[in-house]
């Protein structure tokens, strides 16, 4: 089932019926369709959520569905973060379980800082010589923020591929890489950087000096690698995050 099919089913479902709380099969059918949708449109997901909730005239039923939708979209998928913000901002918050209000408020405020269109603060970190580098000093149109750990398997695999892309296309696609090693591990960072010759991009490490902000918290870094594509021509705003390398290639190469 597609999201569009789920939307077509909704008019035939009486979502005002409180007995659905004990057997919410129509809702589950609609929600499960999200997982099968080949869709990355925030607007479509918001339309789906609003269409469902607008049919809930019973406040108890609506709160149940709001809670279910929030849990569904709370899955660390960057495409769905704006949906969480929309649900939090648009609807009465009585659906939030007692004791969870502050946690959810903090989560939403953190997400606001890293959704596409948000402006990032200046980030300063240090190179192998202890010299500070700032994201604000980059002259290229785009910055790829690359937060990584040389002890991370995915980082070990993806960093050299990103570096090859940088060597081959950084001038053509007008981008710079601002790579920050996050684990304060000088020896591993230097060894990996030497092996893969990573010194021609902005290669920084927390082992060489404290950053000017707590970027782990600000950029919601839970696991590595974490990637942000920053548009410097638009006041250092986030264009995208957690892209695959193929998606990054498409965006920088003009195919997206």
C-alpha atoms as a PDB file:
ATOM      1  CA  UNK A   1       0.000   0.000   0.000  1.00  0.00           C
ATOM      2  CA  UNK A   2       1.204   3.518  -0.774  1.00  0.00           C
ATOM      3  CA  UNK A   3       0.694   6.645   1.302  1.00  0.00           C
ATOM      4  CA  UNK A   4      -1.774   7.864  -1.310  1.00  0.00           C
ATOM      5  CA  UNK A   5      -3.786   4.647  -0.939  1.00  0.00           C
ATOM      6  CA  UNK A   6      -3.794   5.095   2.830  1.00  0.00           C
ATOM      7  CA  UNK A   7      -5.126   8.617   2.417  1.00  0.00           C
ATOM      8  CA  UNK A   8      -7.916   7.278   0.219  1.00  0.00           C
ATOM      9  CA  UNK A   9      -8.882   4.752   2.911  1.00  0.00           C
ATOM     10  CA  UNK A  10      -9.203   7.362   5.656  1.00  0.00           C
ATOM     11  CA  UNK A  11     -12.598   8.819   4.562  1.00  0.00           C
ATOM     12  CA  UNK A  12     -14.130   5.377   5.059  1.00  0.00           C
ATOM     13  CA  UNK A  13     -12.737   5.000   8.573  1.00  0.00           C
ATOM     14  CA  UNK A  14     -14.639   6.362  11.552  1.00  0.00           C
ATOM     15  CA  UNK A  15     -11.707   7.691  13.552  1.00  0.00           C
ATOM     16  CA  UNK A  16     -14.037   9.367  16.042  1.00  0.00           C
ATOM     17  CA  UNK A  17     -15.055   5.985  17.428  1.00  0.00           C
ATOM     18  CA  UNK A  18     -13.433   5.513  20.886  1.00  0.00           C
ATOM     19  CA  UNK A  19     -13.739   1.738  20.598  1.00  0.00           C
ATOM     20  CA  UNK A  20     -10.873   1.926  18.098  1.00  0.00           C
ATOM     21  CA  UNK A  21      -8.602   2.455  21.082  1.00  0.00           C
ATOM     22  CA  UNK A  22      -9.157  -1.168  21.979  1.00  0.00           C
ATOM     23  CA  UNK A  23      -8.746  -2.399  18.413  1.00  0.00           C
ATOM     24  CA  UNK A  24      -7.114   0.334  16.305  1.00  0.00           C
ATOM     25  CA  UNK A  25      -6.811  -1.815  13.197  1.00  0.00           C
ATOM     26  CA  UNK A  26      -7.609   0.930  10.638  1.00  0.00           C
ATOM     27  CA  UNK A  27      -4.924   3.134  12.129  1.00  0.00           C
ATOM     28  CA  UNK A  28      -2.366   0.351  12.084  1.00  0.00           C
ATOM     29  CA  UNK A  29      -3.125  -0.334   8.432  1.00  0.00           C
ATOM     30  CA  UNK A  30      -2.533   3.307   7.600  1.00  0.00           C
ATOM     31  CA  UNK A  31       0.592   3.605   9.726  1.00  0.00           C
ATOM     32  CA  UNK A  32       2.126   0.464   8.322  1.00  0.00           C
ATOM     33  CA  UNK A  33       1.748   1.912   4.837  1.00  0.00           C
ATOM     34  CA  UNK A  34       4.299   4.575   5.780  1.00  0.00           C
ATOM     35  CA  UNK A  35       6.988   1.922   6.108  1.00  0.00           C
ATOM     36  CA  UNK A  36       6.246   0.686   2.592  1.00  0.00           C
ATOM     37  CA  UNK A  37       6.211   4.112   0.961  1.00  0.00           C
ATOM     38  CA  UNK A  38       9.008   4.949  -1.414  1.00  0.00           C
ATOM     39  CA  UNK A  39       8.714   8.572  -0.382  1.00  0.00           C
ATOM     40  CA  UNK A  40      10.989  11.205   1.115  1.00  0.00           C
ATOM     41  CA  UNK A  41       8.640  14.174   0.892  1.00  0.00           C
ATOM     42  CA  UNK A  42       8.138  15.942   4.185  1.00  0.00           C
ATOM     43  CA  UNK A  43       5.028  17.659   2.801  1.00  0.00           C
ATOM     44  CA  UNK A  44       3.437  14.320   1.917  1.00  0.00           C
ATOM     45  CA  UNK A  45       4.122  12.883   5.350  1.00  0.00           C
ATOM     46  CA  UNK A  46       2.651  15.966   7.017  1.00  0.00           C
ATOM     47  CA  UNK A  47      -0.371  15.746   4.734  1.00  0.00           C
ATOM     48  CA  UNK A  48      -0.838  12.129   5.779  1.00  0.00           C
ATOM     49  CA  UNK A  49      -0.641  12.960   9.493  1.00  0.00           C
ATOM     50  CA  UNK A  50      -2.978  15.957   9.221  1.00  0.00           C
ATOM     51  CA  UNK A  51      -5.504  14.042   7.134  1.00  0.00           C
ATOM     52  CA  UNK A  52      -5.629  11.333   9.745  1.00  0.00           C
ATOM     53  CA  UNK A  53      -5.814  13.651  12.750  1.00  0.00           C
ATOM     54  CA  UNK A  54      -8.434  15.928  11.182  1.00  0.00           C
ATOM     55  CA  UNK A  55     -10.835  12.989  11.229  1.00  0.00           C
ATOM     56  CA  UNK A  56     -10.447  12.561  14.971  1.00  0.00           C
ATOM     57  CA  UNK A  57     -13.274  14.568  16.536  1.00  0.00           C
ATOM     58  CA  UNK A  58     -12.922  12.679  19.793  1.00  0.00           C
ATOM     59  CA  UNK A  59     -10.010  14.240  21.775  1.00  0.00           C
ATOM     60  CA  UNK A  60      -9.127  10.958  23.479  1.00  0.00           C
ATOM     61  CA  UNK A  61      -8.829   9.217  20.130  1.00  0.00           C
ATOM     62  CA  UNK A  62      -6.856  12.120  18.667  1.00  0.00           C
ATOM     63  CA  UNK A  63      -4.386  12.027  21.552  1.00  0.00           C
ATOM     64  CA  UNK A  64      -3.912   8.312  21.053  1.00  0.00           C
ATOM     65  CA  UNK A  65      -3.168   8.795  17.361  1.00  0.00           C
ATOM     66  CA  UNK A  66      -0.886  11.784  18.012  1.00  0.00           C
ATOM     67  CA  UNK A  67       1.162   9.678  20.390  1.00  0.00           C
ATOM     68  CA  UNK A  68       1.331   6.836  17.873  1.00  0.00           C
ATOM     69  CA  UNK A  69       2.329   9.148  15.024  1.00  0.00           C
ATOM     70  CA  UNK A  70       5.020  10.802  17.117  1.00  0.00           C
ATOM     71  CA  UNK A  71       6.499   7.408  18.000  1.00  0.00           C
ATOM     72  CA  UNK A  72       6.331   6.370  14.346  1.00  0.00           C
ATOM     73  CA  UNK A  73       8.251   9.398  13.089  1.00  0.00           C
ATOM     74  CA  UNK A  74      10.683   9.505  16.026  1.00  0.00           C
ATOM     75  CA  UNK A  75      13.188   7.230  14.308  1.00  0.00           C
ATOM     76  CA  UNK A  76      16.256   9.430  13.631  1.00  0.00           C
ATOM     77  CA  UNK A  77      15.290   9.779   9.957  1.00  0.00           C
ATOM     78  CA  UNK A  78      16.189  13.360   8.939  1.00  0.00           C
ATOM     79  CA  UNK A  79      13.355  13.410   6.402  1.00  0.00           C
ATOM     80  CA  UNK A  80      10.848  12.866   9.190  1.00  0.00           C
ATOM     81  CA  UNK A  81      12.196  15.296  11.788  1.00  0.00           C
ATOM     82  CA  UNK A  82      10.128  18.206  10.360  1.00  0.00           C
ATOM     83  CA  UNK A  83       7.029  16.037  10.830  1.00  0.00           C
ATOM     84  CA  UNK A  84       7.779  15.718  14.548  1.00  0.00           C
ATOM     85  CA  UNK A  85       8.171  19.485  14.819  1.00  0.00           C
ATOM     86  CA  UNK A  86       4.897  19.989  12.934  1.00  0.00           C
ATOM     87  CA  UNK A  87       2.982  17.639  15.243  1.00  0.00           C
ATOM     88  CA  UNK A  88       4.435  19.314  18.318  1.00  0.00           C
ATOM     89  CA  UNK A  89       3.699  22.842  17.123  1.00  0.00           C
ATOM     90  CA  UNK A  90       0.279  22.400  15.548  1.00  0.00           C
ATOM     91  CA  UNK A  91      -1.642  20.237  17.986  1.00  0.00           C
ATOM     92  CA  UNK A  92      -2.618  20.409  21.639  1.00  0.00           C
ATOM     93  CA  UNK A  93       0.096  18.721  23.692  1.00  0.00           C
ATOM     94  CA  UNK A  94      -2.179  16.891  26.083  1.00  0.00           C
ATOM     95  CA  UNK A  95      -1.160  13.679  24.267  1.00  0.00           C
ATOM     96  CA  UNK A  96       2.291  13.834  25.881  1.00  0.00           C
ATOM     97  CA  UNK A  97       2.566  11.398  28.761  1.00  0.00           C
ATOM     98  CA  UNK A  98       3.012  12.895  32.208  1.00  0.00           C
ATOM     99  CA  UNK A  99       6.686  13.233  33.052  1.00  0.00           C
ATOM    100  CA  UNK A 100       7.772  13.319  29.394  1.00  0.00           C
ATOM    101  CA  UNK A 101       6.965  16.960  28.678  1.00  0.00           C
ATOM    102  CA  UNK A 102      10.453  18.347  29.280  1.00  0.00           C
ATOM    103  CA  UNK A 103      12.186  15.505  27.428  1.00  0.00           C
ATOM    104  CA  UNK A 104      10.049  15.976  24.324  1.00  0.00           C
ATOM    105  CA  UNK A 105      10.399  19.756  24.498  1.00  0.00           C
ATOM    106  CA  UNK A 106      14.203  19.412  24.542  1.00  0.00           C
ATOM    107  CA  UNK A 107      14.070  16.958  21.667  1.00  0.00           C
ATOM    108  CA  UNK A 108      12.014  19.317  19.516  1.00  0.00           C
ATOM    109  CA  UNK A 109      14.223  22.298  20.318  1.00  0.00           C
ATOM    110  CA  UNK A 110      17.297  20.254  19.395  1.00  0.00           C
ATOM    111  CA  UNK A 111      15.703  19.187  16.120  1.00  0.00           C
ATOM    112  CA  UNK A 112      14.877  22.774  15.184  1.00  0.00           C
ATOM    113  CA  UNK A 113      18.619  23.501  15.116  1.00  0.00           C
ATOM    114  CA  UNK A 114      19.481  20.788  12.595  1.00  0.00           C
ATOM    115  CA  UNK A 115      16.575  20.585  10.132  1.00  0.00           C
ATOM    116  CA  UNK A 116      17.152  21.805   6.565  1.00  0.00           C
ATOM    117  CA  UNK A 117      17.080  25.584   6.424  1.00  0.00           C
ATOM    118  CA  UNK A 118      18.462  26.067   9.937  1.00  0.00           C
ATOM    119  CA  UNK A 119      21.535  28.271  10.222  1.00  0.00           C
ATOM    120  CA  UNK A 120      24.480  26.664  11.995  1.00  0.00           C
ATOM    121  CA  UNK A 121      26.703  28.494  14.470  1.00  0.00           C
ATOM    122  CA  UNK A 122      30.398  28.999  13.828  1.00  0.00           C
ATOM    123  CA  UNK A 123      32.350  25.837  14.602  1.00  0.00           C
ATOM    124  CA  UNK A 124      36.033  26.084  15.465  1.00  0.00           C
ATOM    125  CA  UNK A 125      38.304  23.068  15.823  1.00  0.00           C
ATOM    126  CA  UNK A 126      42.053  22.456  15.539  1.00  0.00           C
ATOM    127  CA  UNK A 127      44.415  20.809  13.079  1.00  0.00           C
ATOM    128  CA  UNK A 128      47.440  18.658  13.845  1.00  0.00           C
ATOM    129  CA  UNK A 129      49.540  21.736  14.620  1.00  0.00           C
ATOM    130  CA  UNK A 130      46.936  23.074  17.046  1.00  0.00           C
ATOM    131  CA  UNK A 131      45.882  25.830  14.631  1.00  0.00           C
ATOM    132  CA  UNK A 132      42.213  26.779  14.858  1.00  0.00           C
ATOM    133  CA  UNK A 133      39.988  26.515  11.774  1.00  0.00           C
ATOM    134  CA  UNK A 134      36.501  27.993  11.513  1.00  0.00           C
ATOM    135  CA  UNK A 135      33.564  27.025   9.351  1.00  0.00           C
ATOM    136  CA  UNK A 136      32.991  30.755   8.829  1.00  0.00           C
ATOM    137  CA  UNK A 137      36.328  31.089   7.001  1.00  0.00           C
ATOM    138  CA  UNK A 138      35.429  28.657   4.213  1.00  0.00           C
ATOM    139  CA  UNK A 139      35.089  30.428   0.867  1.00  0.00           C
ATOM    140  CA  UNK A 140      33.542  27.598  -1.137  1.00  0.00           C
ATOM    141  CA  UNK A 141      29.801  27.549  -1.837  1.00  0.00           C
ATOM    142  CA  UNK A 142      29.260  24.364   0.177  1.00  0.00           C
ATOM    143  CA  UNK A 143      30.785  22.813   3.269  1.00  0.00           C
ATOM    144  CA  UNK A 144      30.527  19.129   4.034  1.00  0.00           C
ATOM    145  CA  UNK A 145      30.678  18.774   7.818  1.00  0.00           C
ATOM    146  CA  UNK A 146      32.085  15.330   8.471  1.00  0.00           C
ATOM    147  CA  UNK A 147      32.069  14.142  12.095  1.00  0.00           C
ATOM    148  CA  UNK A 148      33.936  10.857  12.336  1.00  0.00           C
ATOM    149  CA  UNK A 149      35.888   8.466  14.509  1.00  0.00           C
ATOM    150  CA  UNK A 150      38.896   6.530  13.102  1.00  0.00           C
ATOM    151  CA  UNK A 151      37.879   3.565  15.277  1.00  0.00           C
ATOM    152  CA  UNK A 152      34.414   3.388  13.662  1.00  0.00           C
ATOM    153  CA  UNK A 153      33.989   0.703  10.971  1.00  0.00           C
ATOM    154  CA  UNK A 154      31.649   2.822   8.839  1.00  0.00           C
ATOM    155  CA  UNK A 155      34.005   5.795   9.136  1.00  0.00           C
ATOM    156  CA  UNK A 156      36.941   3.651   8.053  1.00  0.00           C
ATOM    157  CA  UNK A 157      34.984   2.599   4.969  1.00  0.00           C
ATOM    158  CA  UNK A 158      33.363   5.900   4.028  1.00  0.00           C
ATOM    159  CA  UNK A 159      36.036   8.484   4.840  1.00  0.00           C
ATOM    160  CA  UNK A 160      38.440   7.405   2.058  1.00  0.00           C
ATOM    161  CA  UNK A 161      35.538   7.389  -0.438  1.00  0.00           C
ATOM    162  CA  UNK A 162      34.527  10.894   0.594  1.00  0.00           C
ATOM    163  CA  UNK A 163      38.169  11.947   0.353  1.00  0.00           C
ATOM    164  CA  UNK A 164      38.419  10.607  -3.201  1.00  0.00           C
ATOM    165  CA  UNK A 165      35.270  12.552  -4.104  1.00  0.00           C
ATOM    166  CA  UNK A 166      36.885  15.637  -2.595  1.00  0.00           C
ATOM    167  CA  UNK A 167      40.105  15.188  -4.565  1.00  0.00           C
ATOM    168  CA  UNK A 168      38.274  14.639  -7.839  1.00  0.00           C
ATOM    169  CA  UNK A 169      35.453  17.196  -7.595  1.00  0.00           C
ATOM    170  CA  UNK A 170      35.958  19.779  -4.828  1.00  0.00           C
ATOM    171  CA  UNK A 171      36.861  22.574  -7.229  1.00  0.00           C
ATOM    172  CA  UNK A 172      34.314  21.612  -9.879  1.00  0.00           C
ATOM    173  CA  UNK A 173      31.472  21.315  -7.348  1.00  0.00           C
ATOM    174  CA  UNK A 174      32.744  24.189  -5.186  1.00  0.00           C
ATOM    175  CA  UNK A 175      32.790  22.451  -1.822  1.00  0.00           C
ATOM    176  CA  UNK A 176      35.133  22.030   1.121  1.00  0.00           C
ATOM    177  CA  UNK A 177      35.216  19.254   3.710  1.00  0.00           C
ATOM    178  CA  UNK A 178      35.430  20.255   7.363  1.00  0.00           C
ATOM    179  CA  UNK A 179      36.274  16.919   8.966  1.00  0.00           C
ATOM    180  CA  UNK A 180      36.308  16.694  12.754  1.00  0.00           C
ATOM    181  CA  UNK A 181      37.503  13.608  14.615  1.00  0.00           C
ATOM    182  CA  UNK A 182      35.204  13.388  17.629  1.00  0.00           C
ATOM    183  CA  UNK A 183      36.806  10.823  19.923  1.00  0.00           C
ATOM    184  CA  UNK A 184      39.883  12.695  21.176  1.00  0.00           C
ATOM    185  CA  UNK A 185      42.114   9.882  19.885  1.00  0.00           C
ATOM    186  CA  UNK A 186      45.222  11.534  18.480  1.00  0.00           C
ATOM    187  CA  UNK A 187      47.213   8.393  17.630  1.00  0.00           C
ATOM    188  CA  UNK A 188      44.429   6.645  15.711  1.00  0.00           C
ATOM    189  CA  UNK A 189      43.423   9.874  13.964  1.00  0.00           C
ATOM    190  CA  UNK A 190      46.979  10.647  12.850  1.00  0.00           C
ATOM    191  CA  UNK A 191      47.685   7.064  11.771  1.00  0.00           C
ATOM    192  CA  UNK A 192      44.487   6.837   9.712  1.00  0.00           C
ATOM    193  CA  UNK A 193      45.051  10.295   8.227  1.00  0.00           C
ATOM    194  CA  UNK A 194      48.625   9.412   7.293  1.00  0.00           C
ATOM    195  CA  UNK A 195      47.602   6.103   5.734  1.00  0.00           C
ATOM    196  CA  UNK A 196      44.863   7.677   3.614  1.00  0.00           C
ATOM    197  CA  UNK A 197      46.617  11.031   3.072  1.00  0.00           C
ATOM    198  CA  UNK A 198      43.763  13.119   4.444  1.00  0.00           C
ATOM    199  CA  UNK A 199      45.816  16.245   5.021  1.00  0.00           C
ATOM    200  CA  UNK A 200      44.665  18.129   1.897  1.00  0.00           C
ATOM    201  CA  UNK A 201      41.211  18.853   3.295  1.00  0.00           C
ATOM    202  CA  UNK A 202      40.398  20.573   6.610  1.00  0.00           C
ATOM    203  CA  UNK A 203      41.335  17.694   8.899  1.00  0.00           C
ATOM    204  CA  UNK A 204      40.724  18.469  12.578  1.00  0.00           C
ATOM    205  CA  UNK A 205      40.668  16.610  15.873  1.00  0.00           C
ATOM    206  CA  UNK A 206      39.317  17.254  19.342  1.00  0.00           C
ATOM    207  CA  UNK A 207      42.634  15.877  20.609  1.00  0.00           C
ATOM    208  CA  UNK A 208      44.395  19.049  19.412  1.00  0.00           C
ATOM    209  CA  UNK A 209      42.223  21.570  21.216  1.00  0.00           C
ATOM    210  CA  UNK A 210      38.748  22.113  22.600  1.00  0.00           C
ATOM    211  CA  UNK A 211      36.106  23.207  20.115  1.00  0.00           C
ATOM    212  CA  UNK A 212      34.300  26.495  20.679  1.00  0.00           C
ATOM    213  CA  UNK A 213      30.911  24.799  21.091  1.00  0.00           C
ATOM    214  CA  UNK A 214      29.618  21.449  22.303  1.00  0.00           C
ATOM    215  CA  UNK A 215      29.071  20.216  18.756  1.00  0.00           C
ATOM    216  CA  UNK A 216      28.275  16.657  19.913  1.00  0.00           C
ATOM    217  CA  UNK A 217      25.126  17.941  21.580  1.00  0.00           C
ATOM    218  CA  UNK A 218      24.349  20.676  19.073  1.00  0.00           C
ATOM    219  CA  UNK A 219      24.488  18.399  16.017  1.00  0.00           C
ATOM    220  CA  UNK A 220      22.899  15.455  17.862  1.00  0.00           C
ATOM    221  CA  UNK A 221      25.833  13.123  17.240  1.00  0.00           C
ATOM    222  CA  UNK A 222      24.895   9.717  18.637  1.00  0.00           C
ATOM    223  CA  UNK A 223      26.872   7.487  16.299  1.00  0.00           C
ATOM    224  CA  UNK A 224      29.437   8.193  13.597  1.00  0.00           C
ATOM    225  CA  UNK A 225      29.848   9.174  10.883  1.00  0.00           C
ATOM    226  CA  UNK A 226      27.519  12.173  10.792  1.00  0.00           C
ATOM    227  CA  UNK A 227      27.352  14.369   7.701  1.00  0.00           C
ATOM    228  CA  UNK A 228      25.831  17.803   7.149  1.00  0.00           C
ATOM    229  CA  UNK A 229      25.792  19.650   3.838  1.00  0.00           C
ATOM    230  CA  UNK A 230      26.004  23.383   4.517  1.00  0.00           C
ATOM    231  CA  UNK A 231      25.123  26.079   1.985  1.00  0.00           C
ATOM    232  CA  UNK A 232      27.545  28.920   2.696  1.00  0.00           C
ATOM    233  CA  UNK A 233      25.871  31.168   0.129  1.00  0.00           C
ATOM    234  CA  UNK A 234      22.715  31.092   2.287  1.00  0.00           C
ATOM    235  CA  UNK A 235      24.214  32.203   5.616  1.00  0.00           C
ATOM    236  CA  UNK A 236      25.642  28.779   6.473  1.00  0.00           C
ATOM    237  CA  UNK A 237      22.287  27.021   6.419  1.00  0.00           C
ATOM    238  CA  UNK A 238      21.773  23.274   6.472  1.00  0.00           C
ATOM    239  CA  UNK A 239      20.885  21.977   3.043  1.00  0.00           C
ATOM    240  CA  UNK A 240      20.742  18.311   4.089  1.00  0.00           C
ATOM    241  CA  UNK A 241      22.083  15.898   6.677  1.00  0.00           C
ATOM    242  CA  UNK A 242      22.858  12.225   6.995  1.00  0.00           C
ATOM    243  CA  UNK A 243      23.145  11.840   3.248  1.00  0.00           C
ATOM    244  CA  UNK A 244      24.568   8.754   1.664  1.00  0.00           C
ATOM    245  CA  UNK A 245      27.674   9.412  -0.374  1.00  0.00           C
ATOM    246  CA  UNK A 246      25.650   8.789  -3.538  1.00  0.00           C
ATOM    247  CA  UNK A 247      23.084  11.383  -2.436  1.00  0.00           C
ATOM    248  CA  UNK A 248      25.864  13.834  -1.662  1.00  0.00           C
ATOM    249  CA  UNK A 249      27.324  13.249  -5.110  1.00  0.00           C
ATOM    250  CA  UNK A 250      23.931  13.942  -6.701  1.00  0.00           C
ATOM    251  CA  UNK A 251      23.410  17.169  -4.764  1.00  0.00           C
ATOM    252  CA  UNK A 252      26.890  18.557  -5.310  1.00  0.00           C
ATOM    253  CA  UNK A 253      27.088  17.321  -8.881  1.00  0.00           C
ATOM    254  CA  UNK A 254      23.927  19.136  -9.858  1.00  0.00           C
ATOM    255  CA  UNK A 255      21.758  16.076 -10.328  1.00  0.00           C
ATOM    256  CA  UNK A 256      19.416  16.978  -7.455  1.00  0.00           C
END
